[in-house]
Structures are given as C-alpha cells and as structure tokens.
Amino acid sequence: MQKTAVFGGGCFWCTEAVFQMLKGVSKVEPGYAGGAMENPSYERVSEGNTGHAEVIRVTYDPSVISYEDLLTVFFGSHDPTTPNRQGNDVGEQYRSVIFYNDDSEKKIADTIIDDVQKSLSDGSRVVTQVLPLDMFYPAESYHKDYFKTNKSAPYCQLIIEPKIAKVRKRFAELVNPSA
C-alpha cells in the first residue's frame, strides 16, 4: 500500500532530487501547497505573495521506508532553523514546512521536531511549520526531474550535487543503491 507525504524544504528541485534517491520511494512530484491561490504558477509563487511553498509530494511504500525515516532525511537535508530561506533562496515559498495527512503524521512530525530542537546546541530554533495538507498543486512539467535532466546546469552542480552527496553519505542505509 502506497502513502504520500508533502514537504517543503527550500527549492523543490533540490528536495525532489534528494527524495528520488531513497529506497521505497516510487514517485516524487514538485508542486505548491500552503497558500490560498488556486492553481498557482511558478511565476506567481516566485513573487512570494501567494502563501504557497515550493514542496514535493513523495509517494512511498511504508513497508520499505517509514514516515519517520522520510522526516529524518527531510531534516538532515535542509536547514530547519532559517525562516523563509534556504541558502540563497529567500522568501516564504522556500520555508521549511511539513504538510500532514492525519493526526498520526502530525504527532510524528512534532516528536521529531522536538528531537531535532534538543539536538541543537547553538541556541537556534527549529522554525519548520507543521500544517494540515489542504491542497497540493503539481508544478509545471519543466520542473519535474529537474536535476536528472539538467545535471550540467550551474545550480545543479553547485547546489544540488553537494546536497545529494551529503545525503548519500549521511543516510546510506536509506539510499537506493541504483539511484
């Protein structure tokens, strides 16, 4: 039985590439969630005034990878302490956010956030939002598989490649060897 999870951790090109590597993940779709505008476009979301975040919808097999493991990779692959920012990407569309499907997912997310917060020794605070998933809007087709189809692009080489290398090393047991 497949389940879905929706996360926003900065640019969806990066998060898509990270989650596509994981065992038990069958599909990763970039999109938008969290705002009031219906059928938002990349251009509108990029303006930073729609309320939407760039997110990914991960379809996974919970008998292979747990929701907890997905969240562990989520927190280990972006900075959950910077409000509305990931690296050079700035704006509410790049915020750290978990959109939950039910109370069980919310409880797991809250518990993991507490654990991450306790592990921070520099005085920073986790700012990740935990919100109910209202609606997911798929991104335009040119965003899908962005890293896979644009590996030579400077953004992919400078930003996504190092992130993928970090995830491969840190979460080797969760990475699909053929990814």
N, C-alpha and C. Protein backbone atom coordinates (compact mmCIF):
# COMPACT_ATOMS: atom_id res chain seq x y z
N MET A 1 0.84 -1.18 0.00
CA MET A 1 0.00 0.00 0.00
C MET A 1 0.89 1.25 0.00
N GLN A 2 0.67 2.12 -0.93
CA GLN A 2 1.45 3.35 -1.06
C GLN A 2 0.82 4.47 -0.23
N LYS A 3 1.68 5.33 0.31
CA LYS A 3 1.24 6.52 1.04
C LYS A 3 1.93 7.73 0.42
N THR A 4 1.46 8.91 0.78
CA THR A 4 2.11 10.13 0.30
C THR A 4 2.46 11.03 1.49
N ALA A 5 3.50 11.84 1.28
CA ALA A 5 3.94 12.82 2.26
C ALA A 5 4.29 14.08 1.48
N VAL A 6 4.02 15.24 2.07
CA VAL A 6 4.31 16.52 1.40
C VAL A 6 5.20 17.36 2.31
N PHE A 7 6.36 17.75 1.75
CA PHE A 7 7.36 18.53 2.49
C PHE A 7 7.83 19.72 1.66
N GLY A 8 8.16 20.81 2.35
CA GLY A 8 8.81 21.94 1.72
C GLY A 8 10.09 22.24 2.48
N GLY A 9 11.21 22.18 1.78
CA GLY A 9 12.50 22.44 2.43
C GLY A 9 13.39 23.26 1.54
N GLY A 10 12.84 24.33 0.99
CA GLY A 10 13.59 25.16 0.05
C GLY A 10 13.17 24.86 -1.37
N CYS A 11 14.08 25.02 -2.27
CA CYS A 11 13.82 24.81 -3.70
C CYS A 11 13.39 23.37 -3.96
N PHE A 12 12.28 23.20 -4.68
CA PHE A 12 11.81 21.83 -4.92
C PHE A 12 12.68 21.04 -5.87
N TRP A 13 13.54 21.69 -6.62
CA TRP A 13 14.49 20.93 -7.45
C TRP A 13 15.43 20.13 -6.55
N CYS A 14 15.86 20.76 -5.46
CA CYS A 14 16.77 20.08 -4.51
C CYS A 14 16.07 18.96 -3.77
N THR A 15 14.92 19.26 -3.19
CA THR A 15 14.23 18.25 -2.39
C THR A 15 13.77 17.08 -3.26
N GLU A 16 13.35 17.36 -4.48
CA GLU A 16 12.96 16.28 -5.39
C GLU A 16 14.15 15.33 -5.61
N ALA A 17 15.31 15.88 -5.91
CA ALA A 17 16.50 15.05 -6.19
C ALA A 17 16.88 14.21 -4.98
N VAL A 18 16.78 14.76 -3.79
CA VAL A 18 17.12 14.03 -2.57
C VAL A 18 16.17 12.85 -2.37
N PHE A 19 14.89 13.10 -2.43
CA PHE A 19 13.92 12.05 -2.12
C PHE A 19 13.79 11.01 -3.23
N GLN A 20 14.16 11.35 -4.45
CA GLN A 20 14.15 10.35 -5.52
C GLN A 20 15.18 9.25 -5.28
N MET A 21 16.17 9.49 -4.46
CA MET A 21 17.23 8.52 -4.19
C MET A 21 16.85 7.46 -3.17
N LEU A 22 15.78 7.66 -2.45
CA LEU A 22 15.50 6.82 -1.29
C LEU A 22 14.81 5.51 -1.64
N LYS A 23 15.18 4.47 -0.91
CA LYS A 23 14.53 3.17 -1.03
C LYS A 23 13.06 3.33 -0.65
N GLY A 24 12.19 2.65 -1.37
CA GLY A 24 10.77 2.67 -1.05
C GLY A 24 10.01 3.85 -1.61
N VAL A 25 10.71 4.80 -2.21
CA VAL A 25 10.05 5.96 -2.82
C VAL A 25 9.82 5.65 -4.29
N SER A 26 8.57 5.70 -4.71
CA SER A 26 8.24 5.36 -6.10
C SER A 26 8.01 6.59 -6.97
N LYS A 27 7.71 7.73 -6.34
CA LYS A 27 7.43 8.93 -7.13
C LYS A 27 7.67 10.16 -6.27
N VAL A 28 8.23 11.20 -6.88
CA VAL A 28 8.39 12.49 -6.22
C VAL A 28 7.93 13.56 -7.20
N GLU A 29 6.95 14.34 -6.78
CA GLU A 29 6.39 15.40 -7.63
C GLU A 29 6.64 16.77 -7.03
N PRO A 30 7.25 17.67 -7.76
CA PRO A 30 7.35 19.05 -7.27
C PRO A 30 5.99 19.74 -7.41
N GLY A 31 5.72 20.66 -6.50
CA GLY A 31 4.45 21.38 -6.57
C GLY A 31 4.40 22.51 -5.57
N TYR A 32 3.18 22.92 -5.28
CA TYR A 32 2.93 24.06 -4.41
C TYR A 32 1.84 23.70 -3.41
N ALA A 33 1.98 24.19 -2.18
CA ALA A 33 0.97 23.96 -1.14
C ALA A 33 1.09 25.06 -0.09
N GLY A 34 -0.01 25.25 0.64
CA GLY A 34 0.02 26.14 1.79
C GLY A 34 -0.54 27.52 1.57
N GLY A 35 -0.92 27.85 0.36
CA GLY A 35 -1.46 29.17 0.09
C GLY A 35 -2.94 29.12 -0.26
N ALA A 36 -3.52 30.28 -0.47
CA ALA A 36 -4.94 30.37 -0.77
C ALA A 36 -5.23 30.39 -2.27
N MET A 37 -4.25 30.77 -3.08
CA MET A 37 -4.47 30.88 -4.52
C MET A 37 -4.69 29.50 -5.16
N GLU A 38 -5.73 29.36 -5.94
CA GLU A 38 -5.97 28.12 -6.66
C GLU A 38 -5.10 28.07 -7.91
N ASN A 39 -4.61 26.88 -8.23
CA ASN A 39 -3.80 26.65 -9.43
C ASN A 39 -2.68 27.67 -9.61
N PRO A 40 -1.81 27.79 -8.61
CA PRO A 40 -0.72 28.77 -8.71
C PRO A 40 0.29 28.35 -9.78
N SER A 41 0.98 29.33 -10.30
CA SER A 41 2.04 29.09 -11.28
C SER A 41 3.39 29.36 -10.60
N TYR A 42 4.44 28.85 -11.20
CA TYR A 42 5.79 29.08 -10.68
C TYR A 42 6.07 30.57 -10.60
N GLU A 43 5.68 31.30 -11.63
CA GLU A 43 5.93 32.74 -11.67
C GLU A 43 5.24 33.44 -10.51
N ARG A 44 3.98 33.07 -10.24
CA ARG A 44 3.25 33.72 -9.15
C ARG A 44 3.83 33.34 -7.79
N VAL A 45 4.14 32.06 -7.60
CA VAL A 45 4.71 31.60 -6.33
C VAL A 45 6.07 32.27 -6.11
N SER A 46 6.85 32.41 -7.17
CA SER A 46 8.18 33.02 -7.07
C SER A 46 8.12 34.49 -6.64
N GLU A 47 7.00 35.14 -6.88
CA GLU A 47 6.83 36.53 -6.43
C GLU A 47 6.75 36.61 -4.91
N GLY A 48 6.41 35.49 -4.27
CA GLY A 48 6.42 35.43 -2.81
C GLY A 48 5.20 35.98 -2.13
N ASN A 49 4.09 36.10 -2.84
CA ASN A 49 2.91 36.66 -2.18
C ASN A 49 1.65 35.79 -2.34
N THR A 50 1.84 34.51 -2.66
CA THR A 50 0.69 33.62 -2.80
C THR A 50 0.41 32.83 -1.53
N GLY A 51 1.38 32.79 -0.61
CA GLY A 51 1.26 31.97 0.58
C GLY A 51 1.71 30.53 0.36
N HIS A 52 1.94 30.17 -0.90
CA HIS A 52 2.36 28.80 -1.20
C HIS A 52 3.86 28.62 -0.98
N ALA A 53 4.23 27.40 -0.62
CA ALA A 53 5.63 26.99 -0.55
C ALA A 53 5.92 26.06 -1.72
N GLU A 54 7.16 26.06 -2.18
CA GLU A 54 7.61 25.04 -3.11
C GLU A 54 7.72 23.76 -2.30
N VAL A 55 7.04 22.71 -2.72
CA VAL A 55 7.01 21.46 -1.97
C VAL A 55 7.22 20.27 -2.91
N ILE A 56 7.36 19.11 -2.29
CA ILE A 56 7.36 17.86 -3.05
C ILE A 56 6.30 16.95 -2.43
N ARG A 57 5.67 16.16 -3.29
CA ARG A 57 4.77 15.10 -2.81
C ARG A 57 5.48 13.78 -3.08
N VAL A 58 5.78 13.08 -2.01
CA VAL A 58 6.53 11.83 -2.06
C VAL A 58 5.55 10.67 -1.95
N THR A 59 5.57 9.78 -2.94
CA THR A 59 4.79 8.55 -2.86
C THR A 59 5.75 7.45 -2.45
N TYR A 60 5.41 6.74 -1.36
CA TYR A 60 6.34 5.78 -0.79
C TYR A 60 5.62 4.55 -0.27
N ASP A 61 6.40 3.50 -0.08
CA ASP A 61 5.90 2.24 0.47
C ASP A 61 6.33 2.19 1.94
N PRO A 62 5.38 2.32 2.89
CA PRO A 62 5.75 2.35 4.30
C PRO A 62 6.32 1.02 4.82
N SER A 63 6.21 -0.05 4.03
CA SER A 63 6.83 -1.30 4.46
C SER A 63 8.32 -1.32 4.13
N VAL A 64 8.77 -0.33 3.33
CA VAL A 64 10.18 -0.22 2.95
C VAL A 64 10.85 0.95 3.65
N ILE A 65 10.17 2.09 3.70
CA ILE A 65 10.69 3.29 4.36
C ILE A 65 9.56 3.92 5.17
N SER A 66 9.86 4.27 6.40
CA SER A 66 8.83 4.82 7.28
C SER A 66 8.69 6.33 7.10
N TYR A 67 7.57 6.84 7.58
CA TYR A 67 7.36 8.29 7.60
C TYR A 67 8.44 8.95 8.46
N GLU A 68 8.81 8.30 9.56
CA GLU A 68 9.87 8.82 10.42
C GLU A 68 11.19 8.93 9.66
N ASP A 69 11.52 7.90 8.87
CA ASP A 69 12.75 7.96 8.07
C ASP A 69 12.69 9.08 7.04
N LEU A 70 11.54 9.27 6.42
CA LEU A 70 11.40 10.38 5.46
C LEU A 70 11.66 11.71 6.16
N LEU A 71 11.11 11.87 7.36
CA LEU A 71 11.31 13.11 8.10
C LEU A 71 12.76 13.27 8.55
N THR A 72 13.40 12.18 8.88
CA THR A 72 14.81 12.23 9.27
C THR A 72 15.66 12.75 8.12
N VAL A 73 15.40 12.26 6.92
CA VAL A 73 16.11 12.75 5.73
C VAL A 73 15.73 14.20 5.46
N PHE A 74 14.46 14.53 5.59
CA PHE A 74 14.00 15.90 5.39
C PHE A 74 14.79 16.86 6.29
N PHE A 75 14.87 16.56 7.58
CA PHE A 75 15.58 17.46 8.50
C PHE A 75 17.08 17.42 8.30
N GLY A 76 17.60 16.31 7.81
CA GLY A 76 19.04 16.19 7.58
C GLY A 76 19.52 16.75 6.26
N SER A 77 18.57 17.19 5.42
CA SER A 77 18.97 17.67 4.08
C SER A 77 18.67 19.15 3.86
N HIS A 78 18.18 19.84 4.88
CA HIS A 78 17.99 21.30 4.76
C HIS A 78 18.15 21.91 6.15
N ASP A 79 18.16 23.23 6.21
CA ASP A 79 18.31 23.94 7.48
C ASP A 79 16.93 24.34 8.00
N PRO A 80 16.42 23.64 9.01
CA PRO A 80 15.08 23.95 9.52
C PRO A 80 15.06 25.13 10.50
N THR A 81 16.18 25.84 10.61
CA THR A 81 16.25 26.95 11.57
C THR A 81 16.23 28.32 10.90
N THR A 82 16.14 28.36 9.59
CA THR A 82 16.13 29.65 8.89
C THR A 82 14.73 29.93 8.36
N PRO A 83 14.07 30.95 8.89
CA PRO A 83 12.73 31.25 8.41
C PRO A 83 12.74 31.80 6.99
N ASN A 84 11.91 31.20 6.15
CA ASN A 84 11.73 31.68 4.77
C ASN A 84 13.04 31.80 3.99
N ARG A 85 13.91 30.80 4.19
CA ARG A 85 15.19 30.85 3.49
C ARG A 85 15.86 29.49 3.50
N GLN A 86 16.48 29.16 2.37
CA GLN A 86 17.40 28.02 2.27
C GLN A 86 18.54 28.50 1.38
N GLY A 87 19.69 28.72 1.99
CA GLY A 87 20.83 29.21 1.23
C GLY A 87 20.53 30.56 0.60
N ASN A 88 20.73 30.64 -0.72
CA ASN A 88 20.47 31.90 -1.44
C ASN A 88 19.00 32.08 -1.82
N ASP A 89 18.18 31.05 -1.60
CA ASP A 89 16.75 31.13 -1.92
C ASP A 89 16.03 31.76 -0.75
N VAL A 90 15.44 32.93 -0.97
CA VAL A 90 14.81 33.69 0.11
C VAL A 90 13.37 33.99 -0.26
N GLY A 91 12.47 33.82 0.70
CA GLY A 91 11.05 34.13 0.52
C GLY A 91 10.20 33.05 1.16
N GLU A 92 8.93 33.37 1.41
CA GLU A 92 8.03 32.42 2.07
C GLU A 92 7.87 31.13 1.27
N GLN A 93 8.10 31.19 -0.03
CA GLN A 93 7.97 30.00 -0.86
C GLN A 93 9.07 28.97 -0.59
N TYR A 94 10.11 29.37 0.13
CA TYR A 94 11.23 28.46 0.46
C TYR A 94 11.22 28.05 1.93
N ARG A 95 10.13 28.28 2.62
CA ARG A 95 10.07 27.96 4.05
C ARG A 95 10.12 26.45 4.30
N SER A 96 10.52 26.11 5.51
CA SER A 96 10.54 24.73 5.96
C SER A 96 9.15 24.38 6.48
N VAL A 97 8.52 23.37 5.86
CA VAL A 97 7.14 23.05 6.22
C VAL A 97 6.85 21.57 5.96
N ILE A 98 6.08 21.01 6.86
CA ILE A 98 5.58 19.64 6.72
C ILE A 98 4.07 19.75 6.64
N PHE A 99 3.49 19.19 5.59
CA PHE A 99 2.04 19.14 5.45
C PHE A 99 1.60 17.72 5.78
N TYR A 100 0.86 17.58 6.86
CA TYR A 100 0.46 16.25 7.30
C TYR A 100 -0.92 15.87 6.75
N ASN A 101 -1.13 14.54 6.62
CA ASN A 101 -2.39 14.00 6.12
C ASN A 101 -3.35 13.60 7.23
N ASP A 102 -2.81 13.31 8.42
CA ASP A 102 -3.66 12.88 9.53
C ASP A 102 -2.97 13.17 10.86
N ASP A 103 -3.69 12.92 11.95
CA ASP A 103 -3.15 13.23 13.29
C ASP A 103 -1.91 12.42 13.62
N SER A 104 -1.83 11.20 13.11
CA SER A 104 -0.66 10.37 13.36
C SER A 104 0.59 11.01 12.77
N GLU A 105 0.51 11.50 11.53
CA GLU A 105 1.65 12.17 10.91
C GLU A 105 2.01 13.44 11.66
N LYS A 106 1.01 14.18 12.12
CA LYS A 106 1.29 15.41 12.88
C LYS A 106 2.05 15.08 14.16
N LYS A 107 1.62 14.05 14.85
CA LYS A 107 2.27 13.66 16.10
C LYS A 107 3.72 13.24 15.84
N ILE A 108 3.95 12.46 14.80
CA ILE A 108 5.31 12.04 14.45
C ILE A 108 6.17 13.26 14.12
N ALA A 109 5.62 14.17 13.32
CA ALA A 109 6.37 15.38 12.94
C ALA A 109 6.72 16.20 14.17
N ASP A 110 5.75 16.40 15.05
CA ASP A 110 6.00 17.18 16.28
C ASP A 110 7.08 16.53 17.14
N THR A 111 7.04 15.21 17.25
CA THR A 111 8.04 14.49 18.06
C THR A 111 9.43 14.64 17.46
N ILE A 112 9.54 14.49 16.15
CA ILE A 112 10.85 14.61 15.50
C ILE A 112 11.37 16.04 15.60
N ILE A 113 10.49 17.02 15.47
CA ILE A 113 10.91 18.42 15.63
C ILE A 113 11.46 18.63 17.04
N ASP A 114 10.79 18.08 18.05
CA ASP A 114 11.29 18.19 19.43
C ASP A 114 12.68 17.58 19.55
N ASP A 115 12.88 16.41 18.92
CA ASP A 115 14.19 15.76 18.96
C ASP A 115 15.26 16.60 18.26
N VAL A 116 14.91 17.15 17.09
CA VAL A 116 15.86 18.00 16.36
C VAL A 116 16.20 19.22 17.21
N GLN A 117 15.18 19.82 17.82
CA GLN A 117 15.40 21.01 18.66
C GLN A 117 16.36 20.70 19.80
N LYS A 118 16.16 19.57 20.45
CA LYS A 118 17.02 19.17 21.57
C LYS A 118 18.46 18.95 21.13
N SER A 119 18.65 18.56 19.86
CA SER A 119 20.00 18.28 19.36
C SER A 119 20.76 19.55 18.98
N LEU A 120 20.08 20.68 18.90
CA LEU A 120 20.73 21.94 18.51
C LEU A 120 21.43 22.55 19.72
N SER A 121 22.72 22.70 19.61
CA SER A 121 23.48 23.22 20.75
C SER A 121 23.89 24.68 20.57
N ASP A 122 23.52 25.27 19.44
CA ASP A 122 23.97 26.63 19.15
C ASP A 122 22.92 27.70 19.51
N GLY A 123 21.82 27.28 20.15
CA GLY A 123 20.80 28.24 20.55
C GLY A 123 19.78 28.54 19.46
N SER A 124 19.96 27.98 18.27
CA SER A 124 18.99 28.23 17.20
C SER A 124 17.69 27.46 17.48
N ARG A 125 16.64 27.85 16.77
CA ARG A 125 15.31 27.25 16.96
C ARG A 125 14.81 26.68 15.65
N VAL A 126 14.16 25.52 15.73
CA VAL A 126 13.50 24.93 14.56
C VAL A 126 12.28 25.79 14.23
N VAL A 127 12.19 26.23 12.99
CA VAL A 127 11.07 27.08 12.56
C VAL A 127 10.14 26.35 11.59
N THR A 128 10.34 25.07 11.41
CA THR A 128 9.53 24.28 10.49
C THR A 128 8.07 24.33 10.90
N GLN A 129 7.22 24.67 9.95
CA GLN A 129 5.78 24.68 10.20
C GLN A 129 5.25 23.26 10.02
N VAL A 130 4.23 22.90 10.81
CA VAL A 130 3.53 21.63 10.67
C VAL A 130 2.06 21.98 10.46
N LEU A 131 1.59 21.76 9.23
CA LEU A 131 0.25 22.20 8.84
C LEU A 131 -0.53 21.07 8.18
N PRO A 132 -1.85 21.09 8.30
CA PRO A 132 -2.63 20.08 7.58
C PRO A 132 -2.55 20.33 6.07
N LEU A 133 -2.49 19.25 5.31
CA LEU A 133 -2.46 19.41 3.86
C LEU A 133 -3.86 19.73 3.37
N ASP A 134 -4.00 20.89 2.80
CA ASP A 134 -5.27 21.33 2.26
C ASP A 134 -5.36 20.92 0.80
N MET A 135 -4.37 21.34 0.03
CA MET A 135 -4.36 21.07 -1.40
C MET A 135 -2.92 21.06 -1.89
N PHE A 136 -2.63 20.14 -2.78
CA PHE A 136 -1.33 20.08 -3.44
C PHE A 136 -1.57 20.40 -4.91
N TYR A 137 -0.81 21.34 -5.44
CA TYR A 137 -0.89 21.70 -6.86
C TYR A 137 0.41 21.28 -7.54
N PRO A 138 0.35 20.34 -8.49
CA PRO A 138 1.58 19.94 -9.18
C PRO A 138 2.21 21.13 -9.91
N ALA A 139 3.54 21.15 -9.91
CA ALA A 139 4.28 22.19 -10.62
C ALA A 139 4.22 21.92 -12.12
N GLU A 140 4.60 22.90 -12.87
CA GLU A 140 4.66 22.79 -14.32
C GLU A 140 5.62 21.65 -14.71
N SER A 141 5.38 21.04 -15.85
CA SER A 141 6.12 19.84 -16.25
C SER A 141 7.63 20.09 -16.36
N TYR A 142 8.07 21.30 -16.69
CA TYR A 142 9.51 21.53 -16.84
C TYR A 142 10.26 21.49 -15.51
N HIS A 143 9.55 21.43 -14.38
CA HIS A 143 10.21 21.29 -13.08
C HIS A 143 10.43 19.83 -12.69
N LYS A 144 9.69 18.93 -13.31
CA LYS A 144 9.78 17.51 -12.95
C LYS A 144 11.13 16.94 -13.40
N ASP A 145 11.74 16.17 -12.51
CA ASP A 145 13.05 15.56 -12.78
C ASP A 145 14.09 16.60 -13.18
N TYR A 146 14.02 17.77 -12.57
CA TYR A 146 14.89 18.87 -12.96
C TYR A 146 16.37 18.50 -12.87
N PHE A 147 16.77 17.92 -11.75
CA PHE A 147 18.17 17.57 -11.59
C PHE A 147 18.59 16.51 -12.62
N LYS A 148 17.76 15.50 -12.79
CA LYS A 148 18.09 14.41 -13.72
C LYS A 148 18.27 14.92 -15.16
N THR A 149 17.51 15.93 -15.54
CA THR A 149 17.56 16.42 -16.92
C THR A 149 18.44 17.65 -17.11
N ASN A 150 18.98 18.18 -16.02
CA ASN A 150 19.79 19.41 -16.10
C ASN A 150 21.07 19.32 -15.29
N LYS A 151 21.68 18.15 -15.21
CA LYS A 151 22.84 17.95 -14.35
C LYS A 151 24.00 18.90 -14.62
N SER A 152 24.12 19.37 -15.84
CA SER A 152 25.24 20.26 -16.16
C SER A 152 24.93 21.73 -15.85
N ALA A 153 23.71 22.04 -15.47
CA ALA A 153 23.36 23.42 -15.11
C ALA A 153 24.12 23.84 -13.86
N PRO A 154 24.61 25.07 -13.80
CA PRO A 154 25.37 25.52 -12.63
C PRO A 154 24.64 25.31 -11.30
N TYR A 155 23.34 25.59 -11.24
CA TYR A 155 22.59 25.40 -9.99
C TYR A 155 22.66 23.94 -9.54
N CYS A 156 22.53 23.04 -10.48
CA CYS A 156 22.58 21.61 -10.16
C CYS A 156 23.96 21.21 -9.65
N GLN A 157 25.00 21.71 -10.29
CA GLN A 157 26.36 21.35 -9.90
C GLN A 157 26.76 21.99 -8.58
N LEU A 158 26.39 23.24 -8.37
CA LEU A 158 26.83 23.97 -7.18
C LEU A 158 25.96 23.75 -5.94
N ILE A 159 24.68 23.53 -6.14
CA ILE A 159 23.75 23.43 -5.01
C ILE A 159 23.24 22.01 -4.80
N ILE A 160 22.73 21.39 -5.85
CA ILE A 160 22.08 20.09 -5.69
C ILE A 160 23.09 18.96 -5.52
N GLU A 161 24.15 18.93 -6.32
CA GLU A 161 25.17 17.85 -6.23
C GLU A 161 25.72 17.71 -4.82
N PRO A 162 26.17 18.81 -4.18
CA PRO A 162 26.70 18.67 -2.81
C PRO A 162 25.64 18.16 -1.82
N LYS A 163 24.40 18.59 -2.00
CA LYS A 163 23.33 18.15 -1.11
C LYS A 163 23.10 16.64 -1.27
N ILE A 164 23.11 16.18 -2.50
CA ILE A 164 22.94 14.75 -2.76
C ILE A 164 24.09 13.95 -2.16
N ALA A 165 25.30 14.44 -2.33
CA ALA A 165 26.47 13.74 -1.77
C ALA A 165 26.36 13.65 -0.25
N LYS A 166 25.92 14.71 0.38
CA LYS A 166 25.75 14.73 1.84
C LYS A 166 24.71 13.70 2.28
N VAL A 167 23.59 13.64 1.57
CA VAL A 167 22.52 12.69 1.90
C VAL A 167 22.99 11.26 1.68
N ARG A 168 23.69 11.01 0.57
CA ARG A 168 24.21 9.65 0.30
C ARG A 168 25.11 9.18 1.43
N LYS A 169 25.94 10.06 1.94
CA LYS A 169 26.88 9.71 3.00
C LYS A 169 26.16 9.55 4.34
N ARG A 170 25.35 10.52 4.68
CA ARG A 170 24.71 10.56 6.00
C ARG A 170 23.61 9.51 6.17
N PHE A 171 22.91 9.19 5.07
CA PHE A 171 21.77 8.27 5.14
C PHE A 171 21.94 7.09 4.19
N ALA A 172 23.16 6.57 4.11
CA ALA A 172 23.49 5.50 3.16
C ALA A 172 22.52 4.32 3.25
N GLU A 173 22.08 3.98 4.46
CA GLU A 173 21.20 2.83 4.62
C GLU A 173 19.80 3.05 4.03
N LEU A 174 19.43 4.29 3.77
CA LEU A 174 18.12 4.62 3.21
C LEU A 174 18.16 4.89 1.71
N VAL A 175 19.36 5.02 1.16
CA VAL A 175 19.52 5.36 -0.27
C VAL A 175 19.47 4.08 -1.10
N ASN A 176 18.73 4.16 -2.17
CA ASN A 176 18.64 3.06 -3.12
C ASN A 176 19.99 2.97 -3.84
N PRO A 177 20.66 1.82 -3.79
CA PRO A 177 21.99 1.70 -4.40
C PRO A 177 21.99 2.02 -5.91
N SER A 178 20.87 1.84 -6.57
CA SER A 178 20.84 2.10 -8.02
C SER A 178 20.51 3.55 -8.34
N ALA A 179 20.28 4.36 -7.30
CA ALA A 179 19.93 5.77 -7.53
C ALA A 179 21.17 6.61 -7.80
